[in-house]
Amino acid sequence: MAVFKNLFSFLFQRSSAEEHVARYVVREHDRGRTLDEILEDRYVQNRLTAEQQRRLLDRPEIIEAISGDMIESAKASITSGS
């Protein structure tokens, strides 16, 4: 049973890149930058695919730090930019 648990555990893990970028987004937003501006940073663009960026916006710490309307705007800009 433990073998199967370990075999599929990768499906539920977030990448460390996503963890680092999530902290970066919250930190930069706390400094007063807009979400769109942060998502355009090379730091974010070089580390996450468009799909990973969309997932990033669903993370509780991001939602808590940034209002919902800004999240929806950013999702739309990621979709149109891809």
PDB file of N, CA and C in Angstrom:
ATOM      1  N   MET A   1       0.822  -1.196   0.000  1.00  0.00           N
ATOM      2  CA  MET A   1       0.000   0.000   0.000  1.00  0.00           C
ATOM      3  C   MET A   1       0.870   1.265   0.000  1.00  0.00           C
ATOM      4  N   ALA A   2       1.936   1.273   0.772  1.00  0.00           N
ATOM      5  CA  ALA A   2       2.815   2.443   0.833  1.00  0.00           C
ATOM      6  C   ALA A   2       3.479   2.712  -0.507  1.00  0.00           C
ATOM      7  N   VAL A   3       3.710   1.644  -1.276  1.00  0.00           N
ATOM      8  CA  VAL A   3       4.327   1.812  -2.592  1.00  0.00           C
ATOM      9  C   VAL A   3       3.428   2.644  -3.486  1.00  0.00           C
ATOM     10  N   PHE A   4       2.111   2.353  -3.472  1.00  0.00           N
ATOM     11  CA  PHE A   4       1.178   3.109  -4.301  1.00  0.00           C
ATOM     12  C   PHE A   4       1.058   4.549  -3.840  1.00  0.00           C
ATOM     13  N   LYS A   5       1.083   4.749  -2.556  1.00  0.00           N
ATOM     14  CA  LYS A   5       1.006   6.104  -2.023  1.00  0.00           C
ATOM     15  C   LYS A   5       2.202   6.929  -2.518  1.00  0.00           C
ATOM     16  N   ASN A   6       3.387   6.360  -2.439  1.00  0.00           N
ATOM     17  CA  ASN A   6       4.584   7.066  -2.896  1.00  0.00           C
ATOM     18  C   ASN A   6       4.620   7.210  -4.405  1.00  0.00           C
ATOM     19  N   LEU A   7       4.082   6.227  -5.108  1.00  0.00           N
ATOM     20  CA  LEU A   7       4.083   6.245  -6.556  1.00  0.00           C
ATOM     21  C   LEU A   7       3.284   7.415  -7.109  1.00  0.00           C
ATOM     22  N   PHE A   8       2.164   7.731  -6.472  1.00  0.00           N
ATOM     23  CA  PHE A   8       1.295   8.785  -6.977  1.00  0.00           C
ATOM     24  C   PHE A   8       1.390  10.089  -6.193  1.00  0.00           C
ATOM     25  N   SER A   9       2.267  10.167  -5.236  1.00  0.00           N
ATOM     26  CA  SER A   9       2.370  11.379  -4.417  1.00  0.00           C
ATOM     27  C   SER A   9       2.792  12.589  -5.230  1.00  0.00           C
ATOM     28  N   PHE A  10       3.521  12.373  -6.336  1.00  0.00           N
ATOM     29  CA  PHE A  10       3.954  13.496  -7.162  1.00  0.00           C
ATOM     30  C   PHE A  10       2.767  14.254  -7.758  1.00  0.00           C
ATOM     31  N   LEU A  11       1.624  13.602  -7.895  1.00  0.00           N
ATOM     32  CA  LEU A  11       0.452  14.266  -8.475  1.00  0.00           C
ATOM     33  C   LEU A  11      -0.076  15.383  -7.592  1.00  0.00           C
ATOM     34  N   PHE A  12       0.189  15.302  -6.311  1.00  0.00           N
ATOM     35  CA  PHE A  12      -0.371  16.257  -5.373  1.00  0.00           C
ATOM     36  C   PHE A  12       0.655  17.233  -4.813  1.00  0.00           C
ATOM     37  N   GLN A  13       1.858  17.156  -5.306  1.00  0.00           N
ATOM     38  CA  GLN A  13       2.901  18.048  -4.825  1.00  0.00           C
ATOM     39  C   GLN A  13       3.017  19.265  -5.739  1.00  0.00           C
ATOM     40  N   ARG A  14       3.270  20.379  -5.151  1.00  0.00           N
ATOM     41  CA  ARG A  14       3.542  21.586  -5.919  1.00  0.00           C
ATOM     42  C   ARG A  14       5.044  21.673  -6.114  1.00  0.00           C
ATOM     43  N   SER A  15       5.422  22.249  -7.236  1.00  0.00           N
ATOM     44  CA  SER A  15       6.858  22.361  -7.483  1.00  0.00           C
ATOM     45  C   SER A  15       7.456  23.408  -6.555  1.00  0.00           C
ATOM     46  N   SER A  16       8.716  23.256  -6.283  1.00  0.00           N
ATOM     47  CA  SER A  16       9.375  24.253  -5.436  1.00  0.00           C
ATOM     48  C   SER A  16       9.426  25.594  -6.155  1.00  0.00           C
ATOM     49  N   ALA A  17       9.465  25.577  -7.494  1.00  0.00           N
ATOM     50  CA  ALA A  17       9.443  26.839  -8.248  1.00  0.00           C
ATOM     51  C   ALA A  17       8.147  27.588  -7.963  1.00  0.00           C
ATOM     52  N   GLU A  18       7.035  26.868  -7.930  1.00  0.00           N
ATOM     53  CA  GLU A  18       5.755  27.514  -7.625  1.00  0.00           C
ATOM     54  C   GLU A  18       5.758  28.079  -6.209  1.00  0.00           C
ATOM     55  N   GLU A  19       6.343  27.358  -5.271  1.00  0.00           N
ATOM     56  CA  GLU A  19       6.430  27.840  -3.891  1.00  0.00           C
ATOM     57  C   GLU A  19       7.226  29.144  -3.816  1.00  0.00           C
ATOM     58  N   HIS A  20       8.375  29.157  -4.481  1.00  0.00           N
ATOM     59  CA  HIS A  20       9.227  30.352  -4.466  1.00  0.00           C
ATOM     60  C   HIS A  20       8.539  31.532  -5.140  1.00  0.00           C
ATOM     61  N   VAL A  21       7.908  31.294  -6.263  1.00  0.00           N
ATOM     62  CA  VAL A  21       7.244  32.380  -6.984  1.00  0.00           C
ATOM     63  C   VAL A  21       6.047  32.887  -6.183  1.00  0.00           C
ATOM     64  N   ALA A  22       5.327  32.001  -5.512  1.00  0.00           N
ATOM     65  CA  ALA A  22       4.194  32.441  -4.686  1.00  0.00           C
ATOM     66  C   ALA A  22       4.667  33.399  -3.593  1.00  0.00           C
ATOM     67  N   ARG A  23       5.757  33.048  -2.935  1.00  0.00           N
ATOM     68  CA  ARG A  23       6.307  33.952  -1.905  1.00  0.00           C
ATOM     69  C   ARG A  23       6.746  35.277  -2.527  1.00  0.00           C
ATOM     70  N   TYR A  24       7.346  35.207  -3.710  1.00  0.00           N
ATOM     71  CA  TYR A  24       7.796  36.406  -4.416  1.00  0.00           C
ATOM     72  C   TYR A  24       6.599  37.315  -4.743  1.00  0.00           C
ATOM     73  N   VAL A  25       5.526  36.721  -5.257  1.00  0.00           N
ATOM     74  CA  VAL A  25       4.345  37.506  -5.628  1.00  0.00           C
ATOM     75  C   VAL A  25       3.772  38.216  -4.408  1.00  0.00           C
ATOM     76  N   VAL A  26       3.624  37.494  -3.308  1.00  0.00           N
ATOM     77  CA  VAL A  26       3.074  38.106  -2.095  1.00  0.00           C
ATOM     78  C   VAL A  26       3.990  39.221  -1.598  1.00  0.00           C
ATOM     79  N   ARG A  27       5.285  38.977  -1.579  1.00  0.00           N
ATOM     80  CA  ARG A  27       6.248  39.978  -1.105  1.00  0.00           C
ATOM     81  C   ARG A  27       6.205  41.234  -1.974  1.00  0.00           C
ATOM     82  N   GLU A  28       6.220  41.046  -3.284  1.00  0.00           N
ATOM     83  CA  GLU A  28       6.207  42.199  -4.187  1.00  0.00           C
ATOM     84  C   GLU A  28       4.884  42.952  -4.116  1.00  0.00           C
ATOM     85  N   HIS A  29       3.783  42.233  -3.935  1.00  0.00           N
ATOM     86  CA  HIS A  29       2.491  42.906  -3.789  1.00  0.00           C
ATOM     87  C   HIS A  29       2.456  43.723  -2.505  1.00  0.00           C
ATOM     88  N   ASP A  30       3.030  43.172  -1.446  1.00  0.00           N
ATOM     89  CA  ASP A  30       3.100  43.911  -0.174  1.00  0.00           C
ATOM     90  C   ASP A  30       3.926  45.190  -0.319  1.00  0.00           C
ATOM     91  N   ARG A  31       4.841  45.203  -1.267  1.00  0.00           N
ATOM     92  CA  ARG A  31       5.652  46.398  -1.526  1.00  0.00           C
ATOM     93  C   ARG A  31       4.918  47.427  -2.378  1.00  0.00           C
ATOM     94  N   GLY A  32       3.697  47.073  -2.836  1.00  0.00           N
ATOM     95  CA  GLY A  32       2.876  48.047  -3.552  1.00  0.00           C
ATOM     96  C   GLY A  32       2.775  47.835  -5.058  1.00  0.00           C
ATOM     97  N   ARG A  33       3.373  46.776  -5.566  1.00  0.00           N
ATOM     98  CA  ARG A  33       3.309  46.526  -7.009  1.00  0.00           C
ATOM     99  C   ARG A  33       1.997  45.849  -7.374  1.00  0.00           C
ATOM    100  N   THR A  34       1.525  46.079  -8.602  1.00  0.00           N
ATOM    101  CA  THR A  34       0.297  45.431  -9.051  1.00  0.00           C
ATOM    102  C   THR A  34       0.585  43.987  -9.456  1.00  0.00           C
ATOM    103  N   LEU A  35      -0.442  43.171  -9.418  1.00  0.00           N
ATOM    104  CA  LEU A  35      -0.291  41.765  -9.765  1.00  0.00           C
ATOM    105  C   LEU A  35       0.132  41.603 -11.221  1.00  0.00           C
ATOM    106  N   ASP A  36      -0.476  42.361 -12.119  1.00  0.00           N
ATOM    107  CA  ASP A  36      -0.097  42.278 -13.535  1.00  0.00           C
ATOM    108  C   ASP A  36       1.384  42.590 -13.730  1.00  0.00           C
ATOM    109  N   GLU A  37       1.856  43.608 -13.044  1.00  0.00           N
ATOM    110  CA  GLU A  37       3.262  44.000 -13.141  1.00  0.00           C
ATOM    111  C   GLU A  37       4.178  42.882 -12.629  1.00  0.00           C
ATOM    112  N   ILE A  38       3.795  42.283 -11.523  1.00  0.00           N
ATOM    113  CA  ILE A  38       4.607  41.213 -10.936  1.00  0.00           C
ATOM    114  C   ILE A  38       4.652  40.005 -11.860  1.00  0.00           C
ATOM    115  N   LEU A  39       3.506  39.633 -12.436  1.00  0.00           N
ATOM    116  CA  LEU A  39       3.445  38.461 -13.310  1.00  0.00           C
ATOM    117  C   LEU A  39       4.238  38.646 -14.594  1.00  0.00           C
ATOM    118  N   GLU A  40       4.501  39.890 -14.969  1.00  0.00           N
ATOM    119  CA  GLU A  40       5.303  40.163 -16.162  1.00  0.00           C
ATOM    120  C   GLU A  40       6.810  40.128 -15.875  1.00  0.00           C
ATOM    121  N   ASP A  41       7.177  40.067 -14.604  1.00  0.00           N
ATOM    122  CA  ASP A  41       8.600  40.020 -14.238  1.00  0.00           C
ATOM    123  C   ASP A  41       9.273  38.803 -14.858  1.00  0.00           C
ATOM    124  N   ARG A  42      10.523  38.982 -15.247  1.00  0.00           N
ATOM    125  CA  ARG A  42      11.293  37.859 -15.789  1.00  0.00           C
ATOM    126  C   ARG A  42      11.419  36.731 -14.768  1.00  0.00           C
ATOM    127  N   TYR A  43      11.488  37.079 -13.499  1.00  0.00           N
ATOM    128  CA  TYR A  43      11.590  36.065 -12.440  1.00  0.00           C
ATOM    129  C   TYR A  43      10.425  35.086 -12.540  1.00  0.00           C
ATOM    130  N   VAL A  44       9.222  35.611 -12.718  1.00  0.00           N
ATOM    131  CA  VAL A  44       8.031  34.764 -12.824  1.00  0.00           C
ATOM    132  C   VAL A  44       8.009  34.058 -14.177  1.00  0.00           C
ATOM    133  N   GLN A  45       8.223  34.809 -15.244  1.00  0.00           N
ATOM    134  CA  GLN A  45       8.139  34.260 -16.598  1.00  0.00           C
ATOM    135  C   GLN A  45       9.144  33.136 -16.836  1.00  0.00           C
ATOM    136  N   ASN A  46      10.337  33.265 -16.261  1.00  0.00           N
ATOM    137  CA  ASN A  46      11.380  32.263 -16.481  1.00  0.00           C
ATOM    138  C   ASN A  46      11.196  31.006 -15.633  1.00  0.00           C
ATOM    139  N   ARG A  47      10.355  31.074 -14.633  1.00  0.00           N
ATOM    140  CA  ARG A  47      10.215  29.938 -13.721  1.00  0.00           C
ATOM    141  C   ARG A  47       8.922  29.158 -13.877  1.00  0.00           C
ATOM    142  N   LEU A  48       7.864  29.813 -14.386  1.00  0.00           N
ATOM    143  CA  LEU A  48       6.566  29.154 -14.473  1.00  0.00           C
ATOM    144  C   LEU A  48       5.978  29.237 -15.869  1.00  0.00           C
ATOM    145  N   THR A  49       5.347  28.155 -16.288  1.00  0.00           N
ATOM    146  CA  THR A  49       4.600  28.165 -17.547  1.00  0.00           C
ATOM    147  C   THR A  49       3.302  28.941 -17.324  1.00  0.00           C
ATOM    148  N   ALA A  50       2.579  29.210 -18.392  1.00  0.00           N
ATOM    149  CA  ALA A  50       1.293  29.904 -18.266  1.00  0.00           C
ATOM    150  C   ALA A  50       0.335  29.096 -17.392  1.00  0.00           C
ATOM    151  N   GLU A  51       0.333  27.786 -17.556  1.00  0.00           N
ATOM    152  CA  GLU A  51      -0.534  26.921 -16.741  1.00  0.00           C
ATOM    153  C   GLU A  51      -0.146  27.012 -15.263  1.00  0.00           C
ATOM    154  N   GLN A  52       1.129  27.004 -14.974  1.00  0.00           N
ATOM    155  CA  GLN A  52       1.585  27.125 -13.581  1.00  0.00           C
ATOM    156  C   GLN A  52       1.221  28.494 -13.016  1.00  0.00           C
ATOM    157  N   GLN A  53       1.288  29.536 -13.836  1.00  0.00           N
ATOM    158  CA  GLN A  53       0.895  30.870 -13.375  1.00  0.00           C
ATOM    159  C   GLN A  53      -0.590  30.903 -13.036  1.00  0.00           C
ATOM    160  N   ARG A  54      -1.428  30.247 -13.838  1.00  0.00           N
ATOM    161  CA  ARG A  54      -2.857  30.189 -13.536  1.00  0.00           C
ATOM    162  C   ARG A  54      -3.089  29.447 -12.221  1.00  0.00           C
ATOM    163  N   ARG A  55      -2.381  28.341 -12.018  1.00  0.00           N
ATOM    164  CA  ARG A  55      -2.497  27.596 -10.753  1.00  0.00           C
ATOM    165  C   ARG A  55      -2.044  28.446  -9.576  1.00  0.00           C
ATOM    166  N   LEU A  56      -1.008  29.221  -9.796  1.00  0.00           N
ATOM    167  CA  LEU A  56      -0.473  30.096  -8.758  1.00  0.00           C
ATOM    168  C   LEU A  56      -1.562  31.028  -8.228  1.00  0.00           C
ATOM    169  N   LEU A  57      -2.413  31.512  -9.124  1.00  0.00           N
ATOM    170  CA  LEU A  57      -3.448  32.463  -8.744  1.00  0.00           C
ATOM    171  C   LEU A  57      -4.583  31.817  -7.955  1.00  0.00           C
ATOM    172  N   ASP A  58      -4.596  30.501  -7.880  1.00  0.00           N
ATOM    173  CA  ASP A  58      -5.608  29.798  -7.094  1.00  0.00           C
ATOM    174  C   ASP A  58      -5.107  29.420  -5.700  1.00  0.00           C
ATOM    175  N   ARG A  59      -3.867  29.737  -5.414  1.00  0.00           N
ATOM    176  CA  ARG A  59      -3.291  29.391  -4.113  1.00  0.00           C
ATOM    177  C   ARG A  59      -3.880  30.289  -3.020  1.00  0.00           C
ATOM    178  N   PRO A  60      -4.190  29.714  -1.860  1.00  0.00           N
ATOM    179  CA  PRO A  60      -4.813  30.493  -0.778  1.00  0.00           C
ATOM    180  C   PRO A  60      -4.008  31.722  -0.359  1.00  0.00           C
ATOM    181  N   GLU A  61      -2.691  31.603  -0.286  1.00  0.00           N
ATOM    182  CA  GLU A  61      -1.893  32.754   0.160  1.00  0.00           C
ATOM    183  C   GLU A  61      -1.923  33.897  -0.854  1.00  0.00           C
ATOM    184  N   ILE A  62      -2.056  33.559  -2.128  1.00  0.00           N
ATOM    185  CA  ILE A  62      -2.152  34.590  -3.164  1.00  0.00           C
ATOM    186  C   ILE A  62      -3.524  35.244  -3.101  1.00  0.00           C
ATOM    187  N   ILE A  63      -4.559  34.429  -2.989  1.00  0.00           N
ATOM    188  CA  ILE A  63      -5.927  34.953  -2.908  1.00  0.00           C
ATOM    189  C   ILE A  63      -6.083  35.860  -1.697  1.00  0.00           C
ATOM    190  N   GLU A  64      -5.498  35.439  -0.590  1.00  0.00           N
ATOM    191  CA  GLU A  64      -5.579  36.240   0.637  1.00  0.00           C
ATOM    192  C   GLU A  64      -4.862  37.577   0.472  1.00  0.00           C
ATOM    193  N   ALA A  65      -3.721  37.561  -0.190  1.00  0.00           N
ATOM    194  CA  ALA A  65      -2.917  38.773  -0.319  1.00  0.00           C
ATOM    195  C   ALA A  65      -3.481  39.752  -1.346  1.00  0.00           C
ATOM    196  N   ILE A  66      -4.193  39.229  -2.330  1.00  0.00           N
ATOM    197  CA  ILE A  66      -4.627  40.060  -3.454  1.00  0.00           C
ATOM    198  C   ILE A  66      -6.128  39.891  -3.636  1.00  0.00           C
ATOM    199  N   SER A  67      -6.817  40.983  -3.876  1.00  0.00           N
ATOM    200  CA  SER A  67      -8.277  40.909  -3.990  1.00  0.00           C
ATOM    201  C   SER A  67      -8.712  40.073  -5.191  1.00  0.00           C
ATOM    202  N   GLY A  68      -9.913  39.524  -5.121  1.00  0.00           N
ATOM    203  CA  GLY A  68     -10.449  38.633  -6.146  1.00  0.00           C
ATOM    204  C   GLY A  68     -10.541  39.253  -7.528  1.00  0.00           C
ATOM    205  N   ASP A  69     -10.905  40.510  -7.620  1.00  0.00           N
ATOM    206  CA  ASP A  69     -11.035  41.125  -8.944  1.00  0.00           C
ATOM    207  C   ASP A  69      -9.681  41.252  -9.630  1.00  0.00           C
ATOM    208  N   MET A  70      -8.633  41.466  -8.862  1.00  0.00           N
ATOM    209  CA  MET A  70      -7.292  41.535  -9.447  1.00  0.00           C
ATOM    210  C   MET A  70      -6.862  40.148  -9.933  1.00  0.00           C
ATOM    211  N   ILE A  71      -7.264  39.115  -9.223  1.00  0.00           N
ATOM    212  CA  ILE A  71      -6.952  37.739  -9.619  1.00  0.00           C
ATOM    213  C   ILE A  71      -7.603  37.438 -10.966  1.00  0.00           C
ATOM    214  N   GLU A  72      -8.869  37.761 -11.103  1.00  0.00           N
ATOM    215  CA  GLU A  72      -9.574  37.482 -12.359  1.00  0.00           C
ATOM    216  C   GLU A  72      -8.962  38.255 -13.518  1.00  0.00           C
ATOM    217  N   SER A  73      -8.580  39.482 -13.289  1.00  0.00           N
ATOM    218  CA  SER A  73      -7.923  40.283 -14.322  1.00  0.00           C
ATOM    219  C   SER A  73      -6.604  39.654 -14.748  1.00  0.00           C
ATOM    220  N   ALA A  74      -5.845  39.187 -13.792  1.00  0.00           N
ATOM    221  CA  ALA A  74      -4.551  38.564 -14.088  1.00  0.00           C
ATOM    222  C   ALA A  74      -4.752  37.262 -14.847  1.00  0.00           C
ATOM    223  N   LYS A  75      -5.756  36.454 -14.467  1.00  0.00           N
ATOM    224  CA  LYS A  75      -6.027  35.205 -15.183  1.00  0.00           C
ATOM    225  C   LYS A  75      -6.343  35.500 -16.645  1.00  0.00           C
ATOM    226  N   ALA A  76      -7.140  36.544 -16.873  1.00  0.00           N
ATOM    227  CA  ALA A  76      -7.488  36.906 -18.246  1.00  0.00           C
ATOM    228  C   ALA A  76      -6.274  37.347 -19.029  1.00  0.00           C
ATOM    229  N   SER A  77      -5.360  38.081 -18.402  1.00  0.00           N
ATOM    230  CA  SER A  77      -4.178  38.549 -19.116  1.00  0.00           C
ATOM    231  C   SER A  77      -3.211  37.407 -19.412  1.00  0.00           C
ATOM    232  N   ILE A  78      -3.152  36.399 -18.532  1.00  0.00           N
ATOM    233  CA  ILE A  78      -2.312  35.230 -18.779  1.00  0.00           C
ATOM    234  C   ILE A  78      -2.869  34.443 -19.963  1.00  0.00           C
ATOM    235  N   THR A  79      -4.167  34.270 -19.985  1.00  0.00           N
ATOM    236  CA  THR A  79      -4.826  33.521 -21.049  1.00  0.00           C
ATOM    237  C   THR A  79      -4.617  34.209 -22.392  1.00  0.00           C
ATOM    238  N   SER A  80      -4.788  35.522 -22.425  1.00  0.00           N
ATOM    239  CA  SER A  80      -4.644  36.243 -23.691  1.00  0.00           C
ATOM    240  C   SER A  80      -3.177  36.378 -24.109  1.00  0.00           C
ATOM    241  N   GLY A  81      -2.267  36.336 -23.161  1.00  0.00           N
ATOM    242  CA  GLY A  81      -0.856  36.473 -23.454  1.00  0.00           C
ATOM    243  C   GLY A  81      -0.201  35.198 -23.931  1.00  0.00           C
ATOM    244  N   SER A  82      -0.868  34.064 -23.754  1.00  0.00           N
ATOM    245  CA  SER A  82      -0.273  32.767 -24.121  1.00  0.00           C
ATOM    246  C   SER A  82      -0.517  32.435 -25.564  1.00  0.00           C
TER     247      SER A  82
END
